[in-house]
């Protein structure tokens, strides 16, 4: 699947842990280039889970586009991480 490099709303860097179907949003950025940079940093230096500070179970990192609905609901008014 080829990414949409011209999304006017931004991108979410998310992860999904091994054996889990839940996708967790971890960071949001304005450009695809920044999203790729953040994803590479998370792969190189894996962060811990924010709520409980536990080590993540072999996360798969994803870059997903932010939709218009999310913008209208106020995704950019939230904390970016």
N, C-alpha and C. Protein backbone atom coordinates (compact mmCIF):
# COMPACT_ATOMS: atom_id res chain seq x y z
N UNK A 1 0.83 -1.17 0.00
CA UNK A 1 0.00 0.00 0.00
C UNK A 1 0.88 1.24 0.00
N UNK A 2 0.71 2.11 -0.96
CA UNK A 2 1.50 3.32 -1.08
C UNK A 2 0.89 4.42 -0.21
N UNK A 3 1.71 5.11 0.60
CA UNK A 3 1.15 6.13 1.47
C UNK A 3 0.71 7.37 0.70
N UNK A 4 -0.30 8.04 1.23
CA UNK A 4 -0.77 9.29 0.66
C UNK A 4 0.13 10.39 1.20
N UNK A 5 1.06 10.89 0.37
CA UNK A 5 2.03 11.87 0.84
C UNK A 5 1.48 13.28 0.85
N UNK A 6 0.26 13.49 0.42
CA UNK A 6 -0.31 14.83 0.35
C UNK A 6 -1.55 14.97 1.24
N UNK A 7 -1.51 14.37 2.41
CA UNK A 7 -2.62 14.48 3.33
C UNK A 7 -2.55 15.85 4.01
N UNK A 8 -3.55 16.71 3.85
CA UNK A 8 -3.48 18.06 4.44
C UNK A 8 -3.69 18.09 5.95
N UNK A 9 -4.10 16.98 6.55
CA UNK A 9 -4.44 16.97 7.97
C UNK A 9 -3.31 16.47 8.87
N UNK A 10 -2.36 15.74 8.36
CA UNK A 10 -1.25 15.23 9.15
C UNK A 10 -1.27 13.71 9.25
N UNK A 11 -0.41 13.18 10.11
CA UNK A 11 -0.22 11.74 10.24
C UNK A 11 -0.12 11.34 11.71
N UNK A 12 -0.54 10.11 12.00
CA UNK A 12 -0.45 9.53 13.34
C UNK A 12 0.60 8.43 13.30
N UNK A 13 1.48 8.40 14.29
CA UNK A 13 2.39 7.28 14.46
C UNK A 13 1.78 6.42 15.55
N UNK A 14 1.40 5.20 15.18
CA UNK A 14 0.69 4.29 16.08
C UNK A 14 1.46 2.99 16.21
N UNK A 15 1.09 2.21 17.22
CA UNK A 15 1.68 0.88 17.35
C UNK A 15 0.61 -0.14 17.67
N UNK A 16 0.93 -1.38 17.35
CA UNK A 16 0.08 -2.52 17.71
C UNK A 16 1.03 -3.56 18.29
N UNK A 17 0.71 -3.99 19.49
CA UNK A 17 1.56 -4.98 20.15
C UNK A 17 1.31 -6.37 19.57
N UNK A 18 2.28 -7.24 19.77
CA UNK A 18 2.15 -8.61 19.29
C UNK A 18 0.97 -9.28 19.97
N UNK A 19 0.19 -10.01 19.20
CA UNK A 19 -1.02 -10.72 19.64
C UNK A 19 -2.12 -9.80 20.15
N UNK A 20 -2.15 -8.57 19.69
CA UNK A 20 -3.20 -7.64 20.07
C UNK A 20 -3.80 -7.04 18.81
N UNK A 21 -5.09 -6.79 18.82
CA UNK A 21 -5.75 -6.18 17.67
C UNK A 21 -5.91 -4.67 17.85
N UNK A 22 -5.60 -4.17 19.03
CA UNK A 22 -5.78 -2.76 19.34
C UNK A 22 -4.63 -1.93 18.78
N UNK A 23 -4.97 -0.85 18.08
CA UNK A 23 -3.97 0.09 17.58
C UNK A 23 -4.00 1.31 18.50
N UNK A 24 -2.82 1.69 19.01
CA UNK A 24 -2.70 2.78 19.96
C UNK A 24 -1.97 3.94 19.28
N UNK A 25 -2.59 5.12 19.30
CA UNK A 25 -1.94 6.31 18.75
C UNK A 25 -0.86 6.77 19.72
N UNK A 26 0.35 7.01 19.20
CA UNK A 26 1.45 7.38 20.08
C UNK A 26 1.93 8.81 19.85
N UNK A 27 1.85 9.31 18.61
CA UNK A 27 2.37 10.64 18.30
C UNK A 27 1.69 11.15 17.04
N UNK A 28 1.49 12.46 16.91
CA UNK A 28 0.93 13.04 15.69
C UNK A 28 1.86 14.12 15.17
N UNK A 29 1.97 14.20 13.84
CA UNK A 29 2.83 15.18 13.17
C UNK A 29 2.13 15.73 11.94
N UNK A 30 2.66 16.81 11.41
CA UNK A 30 2.04 17.45 10.25
C UNK A 30 2.48 16.85 8.91
N UNK A 31 3.70 16.33 8.81
CA UNK A 31 4.19 15.85 7.52
C UNK A 31 4.57 14.37 7.57
N UNK A 32 4.51 13.74 6.41
CA UNK A 32 4.87 12.32 6.30
C UNK A 32 6.35 12.12 6.60
N UNK A 33 7.18 13.05 6.17
CA UNK A 33 8.62 12.96 6.40
C UNK A 33 8.91 12.94 7.91
N UNK A 34 8.23 13.78 8.67
CA UNK A 34 8.40 13.79 10.12
C UNK A 34 7.90 12.49 10.74
N UNK A 35 6.81 11.96 10.23
CA UNK A 35 6.26 10.70 10.74
C UNK A 35 7.24 9.55 10.53
N UNK A 36 7.89 9.50 9.38
CA UNK A 36 8.87 8.46 9.11
C UNK A 36 10.06 8.60 10.06
N UNK A 37 10.49 9.83 10.31
CA UNK A 37 11.60 10.08 11.22
C UNK A 37 11.26 9.63 12.64
N UNK A 38 10.06 9.95 13.10
CA UNK A 38 9.63 9.55 14.44
C UNK A 38 9.53 8.03 14.53
N UNK A 39 8.99 7.41 13.51
CA UNK A 39 8.84 5.94 13.50
C UNK A 39 10.22 5.27 13.57
N UNK A 40 11.18 5.76 12.81
CA UNK A 40 12.52 5.18 12.84
C UNK A 40 13.16 5.33 14.22
N UNK A 41 12.91 6.48 14.86
CA UNK A 41 13.43 6.67 16.21
C UNK A 41 12.81 5.70 17.20
N UNK A 42 11.51 5.45 17.07
CA UNK A 42 10.84 4.51 17.97
C UNK A 42 11.30 3.08 17.72
N UNK A 43 11.61 2.74 16.49
CA UNK A 43 12.13 1.40 16.20
C UNK A 43 13.53 1.25 16.79
N UNK A 44 14.35 2.28 16.64
CA UNK A 44 15.73 2.23 17.13
C UNK A 44 15.79 2.26 18.66
N UNK A 45 14.97 3.13 19.27
CA UNK A 45 14.94 3.26 20.73
C UNK A 45 13.50 3.07 21.21
N UNK A 46 13.09 1.84 21.45
CA UNK A 46 11.69 1.56 21.78
C UNK A 46 11.25 2.28 23.06
N UNK A 47 10.14 3.01 22.99
CA UNK A 47 9.62 3.67 24.19
C UNK A 47 8.85 2.68 25.06
N UNK A 48 8.46 3.15 26.23
CA UNK A 48 7.65 2.34 27.14
C UNK A 48 6.20 2.79 27.02
N UNK A 49 5.30 1.97 27.51
CA UNK A 49 3.88 2.31 27.46
C UNK A 49 3.63 3.48 28.41
N UNK A 50 2.82 4.44 27.99
CA UNK A 50 2.65 5.68 28.75
C UNK A 50 1.86 5.51 30.04
N UNK A 51 0.84 4.70 30.03
CA UNK A 51 -0.03 4.57 31.20
C UNK A 51 0.64 3.84 32.36
N UNK A 52 1.27 2.69 32.08
CA UNK A 52 1.80 1.85 33.15
C UNK A 52 3.33 1.77 33.16
N UNK A 53 4.00 2.40 32.20
CA UNK A 53 5.46 2.42 32.09
C UNK A 53 6.06 1.02 31.92
N UNK A 54 5.29 0.12 31.33
CA UNK A 54 5.81 -1.23 31.07
C UNK A 54 6.44 -1.28 29.69
N UNK A 55 7.29 -2.26 29.47
CA UNK A 55 7.93 -2.44 28.17
C UNK A 55 6.90 -2.98 27.18
N UNK A 56 6.90 -2.44 25.96
CA UNK A 56 5.96 -2.90 24.93
C UNK A 56 6.36 -4.29 24.43
N UNK A 57 5.36 -5.09 24.08
CA UNK A 57 5.56 -6.47 23.64
C UNK A 57 5.73 -6.50 22.12
N UNK A 58 6.95 -6.35 21.65
CA UNK A 58 7.29 -6.40 20.22
C UNK A 58 6.29 -5.59 19.38
N UNK A 59 6.29 -4.28 19.51
CA UNK A 59 5.31 -3.46 18.79
C UNK A 59 5.59 -3.39 17.30
N UNK A 60 4.52 -3.30 16.51
CA UNK A 60 4.60 -3.03 15.08
C UNK A 60 4.19 -1.57 14.92
N UNK A 61 5.06 -0.74 14.35
CA UNK A 61 4.80 0.68 14.21
C UNK A 61 4.12 0.96 12.89
N UNK A 62 3.11 1.82 12.91
CA UNK A 62 2.31 2.17 11.73
C UNK A 62 2.25 3.68 11.57
N UNK A 63 2.17 4.13 10.33
CA UNK A 63 1.92 5.54 10.04
C UNK A 63 0.56 5.61 9.35
N UNK A 64 -0.39 6.28 10.00
CA UNK A 64 -1.74 6.39 9.48
C UNK A 64 -2.10 7.84 9.24
N UNK A 65 -2.82 8.14 8.17
CA UNK A 65 -3.21 9.54 7.93
C UNK A 65 -4.33 9.97 8.89
N UNK A 66 -4.30 11.22 9.25
CA UNK A 66 -5.36 11.79 10.07
C UNK A 66 -6.52 12.13 9.14
N UNK A 67 -7.71 11.78 9.53
CA UNK A 67 -8.89 12.02 8.70
C UNK A 67 -9.52 13.37 9.03
N UNK A 68 -10.39 13.81 8.17
CA UNK A 68 -11.10 15.08 8.37
C UNK A 68 -11.97 15.01 9.62
N UNK A 69 -12.59 13.85 9.86
CA UNK A 69 -13.42 13.66 11.06
C UNK A 69 -12.61 13.86 12.34
N UNK A 70 -11.39 13.34 12.35
CA UNK A 70 -10.55 13.50 13.54
C UNK A 70 -10.18 14.96 13.76
N UNK A 71 -9.94 15.69 12.68
CA UNK A 71 -9.63 17.11 12.80
C UNK A 71 -10.83 17.87 13.36
N UNK A 72 -12.02 17.56 12.86
CA UNK A 72 -13.22 18.22 13.35
C UNK A 72 -13.50 17.89 14.82
N UNK A 73 -13.12 16.69 15.25
CA UNK A 73 -13.30 16.30 16.66
C UNK A 73 -12.25 16.92 17.57
N UNK A 74 -11.20 17.51 16.99
CA UNK A 74 -10.22 18.24 17.80
C UNK A 74 -8.93 17.51 18.08
N UNK A 75 -8.44 16.69 17.15
CA UNK A 75 -7.20 15.94 17.38
C UNK A 75 -6.01 16.88 17.60
N UNK A 76 -6.00 18.05 16.95
CA UNK A 76 -4.88 18.96 17.09
C UNK A 76 -4.97 19.82 18.37
N UNK A 77 -6.08 19.76 19.08
CA UNK A 77 -6.19 20.46 20.35
C UNK A 77 -5.73 19.59 21.50
N UNK A 78 -5.50 18.30 21.22
CA UNK A 78 -5.01 17.37 22.23
C UNK A 78 -3.50 17.49 22.36
N UNK A 79 -2.95 16.88 23.38
CA UNK A 79 -1.51 16.78 23.53
C UNK A 79 -0.98 15.91 22.40
N UNK A 80 0.11 16.29 21.71
CA UNK A 80 0.57 15.52 20.54
C UNK A 80 1.19 14.16 20.88
N UNK A 81 1.43 13.87 22.14
CA UNK A 81 2.02 12.58 22.50
C UNK A 81 1.47 12.08 23.80
